[in-house]
Amino acid sequence: FLSLDELMQFHERVGYWLDARVAQSTFRGWNDLVVISYGLAALPVAAILMPKLLSYPRLLEMLVTAFTFYTFHTLVDTLQEPPTTASIIVEESAKVLCAGFLVLTAFSGLAKLAGNLEHTEDWSLPERRGLDRRRAKCESLS
């Protein structure tokens, strides 16, 4: 979702729409509050998924690292007014590291899941099991 937001600029559009209609807050702009709300929405989802996250090795550590970079880049973006060259470099670097750890987390979970599926006969497709049985029968006849 974060990648799609970066591509489609959801938080910028919602933020600009709110800026035009609602009085300015203590933050630099409303789009910052939209980004902060993404992080706050992720917390209950993480709490719900916590038992599953703990069953995968290193998954929780990678998610915590990604969330730390997310928090850092959001703080730099929200609190640095006006943005400087250094703050932009730090913010974008933290954003890239956040995305990188999210990708690593997703691939690690997928690899673990694929490893479990590969070794579990029950998860194979019924058509595949039938094909394997027919192949084994043909090999035994020859």
N, C-alpha and C. Protein backbone atom coordinates (compact mmCIF):
# COMPACT_ATOMS: atom_id res chain seq x y z
N PHE A 1 0.82 -1.19 0.00
CA PHE A 1 0.00 0.00 0.00
C PHE A 1 0.86 1.26 0.00
N LEU A 2 1.97 1.21 0.75
CA LEU A 2 2.85 2.38 0.79
C LEU A 2 3.44 2.67 -0.59
N SER A 3 3.81 1.62 -1.31
CA SER A 3 4.36 1.82 -2.65
C SER A 3 3.30 2.39 -3.58
N LEU A 4 2.09 1.88 -3.49
CA LEU A 4 1.00 2.39 -4.32
C LEU A 4 0.71 3.85 -3.97
N ASP A 5 0.79 4.19 -2.69
CA ASP A 5 0.58 5.57 -2.27
C ASP A 5 1.66 6.47 -2.84
N GLU A 6 2.90 6.01 -2.83
CA GLU A 6 3.99 6.81 -3.41
C GLU A 6 3.75 7.03 -4.90
N LEU A 7 3.32 5.98 -5.58
CA LEU A 7 3.10 6.06 -7.02
C LEU A 7 1.89 6.93 -7.37
N MET A 8 0.79 6.72 -6.69
CA MET A 8 -0.46 7.42 -7.01
C MET A 8 -0.66 8.71 -6.21
N GLN A 9 0.21 8.98 -5.25
CA GLN A 9 0.19 10.20 -4.43
C GLN A 9 -1.14 10.40 -3.70
N PHE A 10 -1.61 9.33 -3.07
CA PHE A 10 -2.88 9.42 -2.33
C PHE A 10 -2.78 10.45 -1.20
N HIS A 11 -1.73 10.33 -0.38
CA HIS A 11 -1.67 11.22 0.78
C HIS A 11 -1.46 12.67 0.36
N GLU A 12 -0.77 12.91 -0.74
CA GLU A 12 -0.61 14.28 -1.21
C GLU A 12 -1.96 14.85 -1.66
N ARG A 13 -2.71 14.04 -2.41
CA ARG A 13 -4.00 14.52 -2.92
C ARG A 13 -4.99 14.77 -1.79
N VAL A 14 -5.07 13.83 -0.84
CA VAL A 14 -5.97 14.02 0.30
C VAL A 14 -5.51 15.21 1.14
N GLY A 15 -4.19 15.32 1.33
CA GLY A 15 -3.66 16.43 2.11
C GLY A 15 -3.94 17.78 1.48
N TYR A 16 -3.75 17.90 0.17
CA TYR A 16 -4.04 19.17 -0.51
C TYR A 16 -5.53 19.49 -0.47
N TRP A 17 -6.36 18.46 -0.59
CA TRP A 17 -7.80 18.67 -0.53
C TRP A 17 -8.19 19.19 0.86
N LEU A 18 -7.59 18.58 1.92
CA LEU A 18 -7.88 19.05 3.28
C LEU A 18 -7.30 20.43 3.53
N ASP A 19 -6.11 20.71 3.00
CA ASP A 19 -5.51 22.04 3.17
C ASP A 19 -6.42 23.14 2.62
N ALA A 20 -7.11 22.85 1.52
CA ALA A 20 -7.98 23.84 0.90
C ALA A 20 -9.28 24.04 1.67
N ARG A 21 -9.66 23.06 2.49
CA ARG A 21 -10.97 23.12 3.14
C ARG A 21 -10.94 23.25 4.65
N VAL A 22 -9.82 22.90 5.28
CA VAL A 22 -9.74 22.91 6.74
C VAL A 22 -8.59 23.83 7.15
N ALA A 23 -8.78 24.52 8.26
CA ALA A 23 -7.75 25.44 8.75
C ALA A 23 -6.44 24.69 9.02
N GLN A 24 -5.34 25.39 8.86
CA GLN A 24 -4.01 24.80 9.05
C GLN A 24 -3.82 24.33 10.49
N SER A 25 -3.18 23.19 10.62
CA SER A 25 -2.93 22.63 11.95
C SER A 25 -1.52 23.00 12.40
N THR A 26 -1.08 22.39 13.49
CA THR A 26 0.28 22.64 13.96
C THR A 26 1.31 21.93 13.09
N PHE A 27 0.85 21.00 12.26
CA PHE A 27 1.76 20.31 11.35
C PHE A 27 1.97 21.17 10.11
N ARG A 28 2.98 20.78 9.35
CA ARG A 28 3.31 21.51 8.13
C ARG A 28 2.16 21.43 7.12
N GLY A 29 1.48 20.32 7.06
CA GLY A 29 0.37 20.15 6.13
C GLY A 29 -0.44 18.93 6.51
N TRP A 30 -1.63 18.85 5.96
CA TRP A 30 -2.52 17.74 6.27
C TRP A 30 -2.01 16.43 5.71
N ASN A 31 -1.24 16.47 4.62
CA ASN A 31 -0.74 15.21 4.06
C ASN A 31 0.17 14.49 5.04
N ASP A 32 0.83 15.23 5.92
CA ASP A 32 1.65 14.59 6.96
C ASP A 32 0.78 13.78 7.92
N LEU A 33 -0.38 14.32 8.27
CA LEU A 33 -1.29 13.59 9.15
C LEU A 33 -1.84 12.34 8.49
N VAL A 34 -2.03 12.38 7.17
CA VAL A 34 -2.50 11.19 6.45
C VAL A 34 -1.43 10.09 6.53
N VAL A 35 -0.17 10.46 6.34
CA VAL A 35 0.92 9.49 6.42
C VAL A 35 1.04 8.92 7.84
N ILE A 36 0.91 9.78 8.83
CA ILE A 36 0.95 9.31 10.22
C ILE A 36 -0.20 8.35 10.50
N SER A 37 -1.36 8.61 9.91
CA SER A 37 -2.50 7.71 10.12
C SER A 37 -2.24 6.33 9.53
N TYR A 38 -1.44 6.23 8.44
CA TYR A 38 -1.07 4.93 7.89
C TYR A 38 -0.33 4.11 8.95
N GLY A 39 0.63 4.74 9.61
CA GLY A 39 1.40 4.05 10.64
C GLY A 39 0.53 3.64 11.82
N LEU A 40 -0.38 4.53 12.22
CA LEU A 40 -1.27 4.21 13.33
C LEU A 40 -2.22 3.07 12.97
N ALA A 41 -2.66 3.03 11.71
CA ALA A 41 -3.54 1.94 11.26
C ALA A 41 -2.79 0.61 11.21
N ALA A 42 -1.48 0.66 10.98
CA ALA A 42 -0.69 -0.57 10.90
C ALA A 42 -0.50 -1.22 12.28
N LEU A 43 -0.55 -0.45 13.34
CA LEU A 43 -0.31 -1.01 14.68
C LEU A 43 -1.34 -2.06 15.09
N PRO A 44 -2.66 -1.81 14.98
CA PRO A 44 -3.60 -2.88 15.35
C PRO A 44 -3.52 -4.09 14.41
N VAL A 45 -3.22 -3.84 13.14
CA VAL A 45 -3.06 -4.97 12.21
C VAL A 45 -1.88 -5.83 12.65
N ALA A 46 -0.78 -5.18 13.04
CA ALA A 46 0.38 -5.93 13.53
C ALA A 46 0.04 -6.69 14.81
N ALA A 47 -0.74 -6.10 15.68
CA ALA A 47 -1.13 -6.78 16.92
C ALA A 47 -1.98 -8.02 16.63
N ILE A 48 -2.87 -7.91 15.66
CA ILE A 48 -3.71 -9.05 15.29
C ILE A 48 -2.87 -10.17 14.68
N LEU A 49 -1.89 -9.79 13.87
CA LEU A 49 -1.05 -10.77 13.18
C LEU A 49 0.15 -11.25 13.99
N MET A 50 0.32 -10.72 15.20
CA MET A 50 1.51 -11.02 16.01
C MET A 50 1.77 -12.52 16.20
N PRO A 51 0.78 -13.35 16.54
CA PRO A 51 1.09 -14.78 16.71
C PRO A 51 1.67 -15.41 15.44
N LYS A 52 1.15 -15.02 14.29
CA LYS A 52 1.67 -15.56 13.03
C LYS A 52 3.06 -15.00 12.73
N LEU A 53 3.27 -13.73 13.04
CA LEU A 53 4.58 -13.11 12.80
C LEU A 53 5.67 -13.79 13.62
N LEU A 54 5.32 -14.18 14.84
CA LEU A 54 6.31 -14.80 15.71
C LEU A 54 6.66 -16.22 15.26
N SER A 55 5.82 -16.82 14.44
CA SER A 55 6.11 -18.18 13.97
C SER A 55 7.13 -18.21 12.83
N TYR A 56 7.41 -17.08 12.23
CA TYR A 56 8.39 -16.99 11.16
C TYR A 56 9.69 -16.41 11.70
N PRO A 57 10.83 -17.05 11.43
CA PRO A 57 12.09 -16.54 11.95
C PRO A 57 12.46 -15.19 11.32
N ARG A 58 12.88 -14.27 12.15
CA ARG A 58 13.36 -12.94 11.78
C ARG A 58 12.32 -12.02 11.16
N LEU A 59 11.10 -12.47 10.99
CA LEU A 59 10.07 -11.65 10.37
C LEU A 59 9.74 -10.44 11.24
N LEU A 60 9.57 -10.66 12.51
CA LEU A 60 9.22 -9.57 13.42
C LEU A 60 10.35 -8.54 13.48
N GLU A 61 11.59 -9.00 13.52
CA GLU A 61 12.72 -8.07 13.57
C GLU A 61 12.76 -7.18 12.33
N MET A 62 12.52 -7.78 11.16
CA MET A 62 12.54 -6.99 9.93
C MET A 62 11.38 -6.00 9.88
N LEU A 63 10.20 -6.40 10.37
CA LEU A 63 9.07 -5.48 10.40
C LEU A 63 9.30 -4.33 11.38
N VAL A 64 9.89 -4.62 12.52
CA VAL A 64 10.20 -3.56 13.48
C VAL A 64 11.22 -2.59 12.88
N THR A 65 12.21 -3.10 12.18
CA THR A 65 13.20 -2.24 11.53
C THR A 65 12.52 -1.37 10.47
N ALA A 66 11.65 -1.97 9.65
CA ALA A 66 10.93 -1.21 8.63
C ALA A 66 10.07 -0.13 9.27
N PHE A 67 9.36 -0.48 10.35
CA PHE A 67 8.50 0.49 11.01
C PHE A 67 9.32 1.61 11.66
N THR A 68 10.51 1.28 12.15
CA THR A 68 11.40 2.30 12.72
C THR A 68 11.81 3.30 11.64
N PHE A 69 12.21 2.81 10.47
CA PHE A 69 12.56 3.71 9.37
C PHE A 69 11.35 4.51 8.90
N TYR A 70 10.17 3.88 8.91
CA TYR A 70 8.94 4.58 8.53
C TYR A 70 8.68 5.74 9.50
N THR A 71 8.80 5.45 10.79
CA THR A 71 8.59 6.49 11.81
C THR A 71 9.61 7.61 11.65
N PHE A 72 10.87 7.24 11.41
CA PHE A 72 11.93 8.23 11.27
C PHE A 72 11.69 9.13 10.06
N HIS A 73 11.38 8.54 8.91
CA HIS A 73 11.18 9.38 7.73
C HIS A 73 9.93 10.25 7.86
N THR A 74 8.90 9.74 8.54
CA THR A 74 7.70 10.55 8.75
C THR A 74 7.98 11.70 9.70
N LEU A 75 8.76 11.45 10.75
CA LEU A 75 9.11 12.53 11.68
C LEU A 75 9.94 13.61 10.98
N VAL A 76 10.93 13.20 10.20
CA VAL A 76 11.76 14.17 9.49
C VAL A 76 10.90 14.99 8.53
N ASP A 77 10.01 14.32 7.80
CA ASP A 77 9.15 15.01 6.84
C ASP A 77 8.19 15.97 7.54
N THR A 78 7.67 15.56 8.68
CA THR A 78 6.66 16.35 9.37
C THR A 78 7.26 17.53 10.13
N LEU A 79 8.40 17.31 10.77
CA LEU A 79 8.93 18.33 11.68
C LEU A 79 9.92 19.29 11.05
N GLN A 80 10.53 18.95 9.93
CA GLN A 80 11.52 19.83 9.32
C GLN A 80 10.84 20.83 8.39
N GLU A 81 10.77 22.09 8.84
CA GLU A 81 10.14 23.14 8.05
C GLU A 81 11.04 24.35 8.05
N PRO A 82 11.49 24.85 6.96
CA PRO A 82 11.33 24.33 5.61
C PRO A 82 12.30 23.16 5.38
N PRO A 83 11.98 22.29 4.44
CA PRO A 83 12.88 21.17 4.16
C PRO A 83 14.23 21.67 3.64
N THR A 84 15.28 21.05 4.13
CA THR A 84 16.62 21.38 3.66
C THR A 84 17.13 20.22 2.81
N THR A 85 18.25 20.45 2.15
CA THR A 85 18.84 19.37 1.34
C THR A 85 19.17 18.17 2.22
N ALA A 86 19.75 18.43 3.38
CA ALA A 86 20.11 17.33 4.29
C ALA A 86 18.87 16.59 4.78
N SER A 87 17.81 17.32 5.13
CA SER A 87 16.60 16.65 5.63
C SER A 87 15.93 15.83 4.54
N ILE A 88 15.97 16.30 3.31
CA ILE A 88 15.40 15.53 2.20
C ILE A 88 16.20 14.26 1.96
N ILE A 89 17.53 14.35 2.02
CA ILE A 89 18.38 13.16 1.83
C ILE A 89 18.10 12.15 2.94
N VAL A 90 18.03 12.62 4.19
CA VAL A 90 17.78 11.72 5.32
C VAL A 90 16.39 11.09 5.20
N GLU A 91 15.39 11.91 4.87
CA GLU A 91 14.02 11.40 4.76
C GLU A 91 13.90 10.36 3.65
N GLU A 92 14.42 10.67 2.47
CA GLU A 92 14.31 9.73 1.35
C GLU A 92 15.13 8.46 1.60
N SER A 93 16.26 8.58 2.26
CA SER A 93 17.06 7.40 2.60
C SER A 93 16.30 6.49 3.56
N ALA A 94 15.68 7.09 4.56
CA ALA A 94 14.89 6.29 5.50
C ALA A 94 13.69 5.65 4.80
N LYS A 95 13.11 6.36 3.84
CA LYS A 95 11.98 5.81 3.08
C LYS A 95 12.42 4.60 2.25
N VAL A 96 13.59 4.70 1.62
CA VAL A 96 14.11 3.58 0.83
C VAL A 96 14.43 2.39 1.73
N LEU A 97 15.04 2.64 2.89
CA LEU A 97 15.35 1.56 3.82
C LEU A 97 14.06 0.91 4.36
N CYS A 98 13.05 1.71 4.63
CA CYS A 98 11.76 1.18 5.07
C CYS A 98 11.19 0.25 4.00
N ALA A 99 11.17 0.72 2.77
CA ALA A 99 10.64 -0.09 1.66
C ALA A 99 11.47 -1.36 1.47
N GLY A 100 12.78 -1.23 1.59
CA GLY A 100 13.65 -2.40 1.45
C GLY A 100 13.37 -3.46 2.49
N PHE A 101 13.20 -3.04 3.74
CA PHE A 101 12.91 -4.01 4.78
C PHE A 101 11.51 -4.60 4.64
N LEU A 102 10.55 -3.83 4.14
CA LEU A 102 9.23 -4.39 3.88
C LEU A 102 9.29 -5.45 2.78
N VAL A 103 10.08 -5.20 1.75
CA VAL A 103 10.24 -6.17 0.67
C VAL A 103 10.94 -7.43 1.19
N LEU A 104 12.01 -7.24 1.98
CA LEU A 104 12.69 -8.39 2.57
C LEU A 104 11.75 -9.21 3.45
N THR A 105 10.93 -8.53 4.21
CA THR A 105 9.97 -9.21 5.07
C THR A 105 8.98 -10.02 4.24
N ALA A 106 8.45 -9.40 3.19
CA ALA A 106 7.48 -10.09 2.34
C ALA A 106 8.11 -11.31 1.67
N PHE A 107 9.33 -11.16 1.14
CA PHE A 107 9.98 -12.28 0.48
C PHE A 107 10.37 -13.38 1.47
N SER A 108 10.76 -13.00 2.68
CA SER A 108 11.09 -14.00 3.69
C SER A 108 9.86 -14.81 4.07
N GLY A 109 8.74 -14.13 4.28
CA GLY A 109 7.51 -14.83 4.60
C GLY A 109 7.05 -15.72 3.47
N LEU A 110 7.19 -15.22 2.24
CA LEU A 110 6.81 -16.02 1.07
C LEU A 110 7.71 -17.23 0.92
N ALA A 111 9.02 -17.06 1.15
CA ALA A 111 9.94 -18.19 1.05
C ALA A 111 9.63 -19.24 2.11
N LYS A 112 9.32 -18.79 3.32
CA LYS A 112 8.97 -19.73 4.38
C LYS A 112 7.68 -20.47 4.03
N LEU A 113 6.70 -19.74 3.53
CA LEU A 113 5.44 -20.36 3.14
C LEU A 113 5.65 -21.34 1.99
N ALA A 114 6.44 -20.95 1.00
CA ALA A 114 6.71 -21.84 -0.14
C ALA A 114 7.46 -23.08 0.31
N GLY A 115 8.37 -22.92 1.25
CA GLY A 115 9.09 -24.07 1.80
C GLY A 115 8.15 -25.03 2.51
N ASN A 116 7.18 -24.49 3.24
CA ASN A 116 6.19 -25.34 3.92
C ASN A 116 5.29 -26.04 2.92
N LEU A 117 4.90 -25.35 1.87
CA LEU A 117 4.02 -25.95 0.87
C LEU A 117 4.73 -27.04 0.09
N GLU A 118 6.01 -26.83 -0.18
CA GLU A 118 6.76 -27.79 -0.96
C GLU A 118 6.85 -29.14 -0.27
N HIS A 119 6.91 -29.14 1.05
CA HIS A 119 7.09 -30.37 1.81
C HIS A 119 5.78 -30.92 2.36
N THR A 120 4.66 -30.32 2.01
CA THR A 120 3.37 -30.76 2.53
C THR A 120 2.55 -31.34 1.40
N GLU A 121 2.34 -32.63 1.43
CA GLU A 121 1.58 -33.32 0.38
C GLU A 121 0.14 -32.81 0.31
N ASP A 122 -0.45 -32.49 1.46
CA ASP A 122 -1.86 -32.11 1.50
C ASP A 122 -2.13 -30.82 0.72
N TRP A 123 -1.11 -29.98 0.55
CA TRP A 123 -1.31 -28.70 -0.11
C TRP A 123 -1.20 -28.80 -1.63
N SER A 124 -0.77 -29.94 -2.14
CA SER A 124 -0.62 -30.04 -3.59
C SER A 124 -1.99 -30.07 -4.25
N LEU A 125 -2.04 -29.65 -5.47
CA LEU A 125 -3.31 -29.60 -6.20
C LEU A 125 -3.81 -31.02 -6.46
N PRO A 126 -5.12 -31.23 -6.39
CA PRO A 126 -5.65 -32.57 -6.64
C PRO A 126 -5.26 -33.10 -8.01
N GLU A 127 -5.26 -32.22 -9.03
CA GLU A 127 -4.89 -32.67 -10.36
C GLU A 127 -3.43 -33.14 -10.38
N ARG A 128 -2.58 -32.45 -9.64
CA ARG A 128 -1.17 -32.79 -9.59
C ARG A 128 -0.97 -34.15 -8.91
N ARG A 129 -1.70 -34.38 -7.80
CA ARG A 129 -1.58 -35.67 -7.12
C ARG A 129 -2.01 -36.81 -8.04
N GLY A 130 -3.09 -36.61 -8.79
CA GLY A 130 -3.54 -37.63 -9.72
C GLY A 130 -2.52 -37.88 -10.81
N LEU A 131 -1.89 -36.84 -11.31
CA LEU A 131 -0.87 -36.97 -12.33
C LEU A 131 0.32 -37.76 -11.79
N ASP A 132 0.72 -37.46 -10.57
CA ASP A 132 1.85 -38.17 -9.95
C ASP A 132 1.52 -39.65 -9.78
N ARG A 133 0.29 -39.96 -9.37
CA ARG A 133 -0.10 -41.37 -9.20
C ARG A 133 -0.10 -42.11 -10.55
N ARG A 134 -0.64 -41.45 -11.57
CA ARG A 134 -0.65 -42.09 -12.90
C ARG A 134 0.76 -42.30 -13.42
N ARG A 135 1.63 -41.32 -13.20
CA ARG A 135 3.02 -41.43 -13.65
C ARG A 135 3.71 -42.59 -12.92
N ALA A 136 3.49 -42.68 -11.62
CA ALA A 136 4.10 -43.76 -10.84
C ALA A 136 3.58 -45.12 -11.30
N LYS A 137 2.29 -45.20 -11.63
CA LYS A 137 1.71 -46.46 -12.12
C LYS A 137 2.32 -46.85 -13.45
N CYS A 138 2.47 -45.87 -14.35
CA CYS A 138 3.06 -46.16 -15.67
C CYS A 138 4.52 -46.61 -15.52
N GLU A 139 5.25 -45.94 -14.60
CA GLU A 139 6.66 -46.32 -14.41
C GLU A 139 6.77 -47.74 -13.82
N SER A 140 5.82 -48.10 -12.97
CA SER A 140 5.88 -49.44 -12.36
C SER A 140 5.54 -50.53 -13.38
N LEU A 141 4.72 -50.18 -14.38
CA LEU A 141 4.36 -51.16 -15.41
C LEU A 141 5.48 -51.39 -16.42
N SER A 142 6.35 -50.39 -16.58
CA SER A 142 7.41 -50.55 -17.58
C SER A 142 8.66 -51.18 -17.07
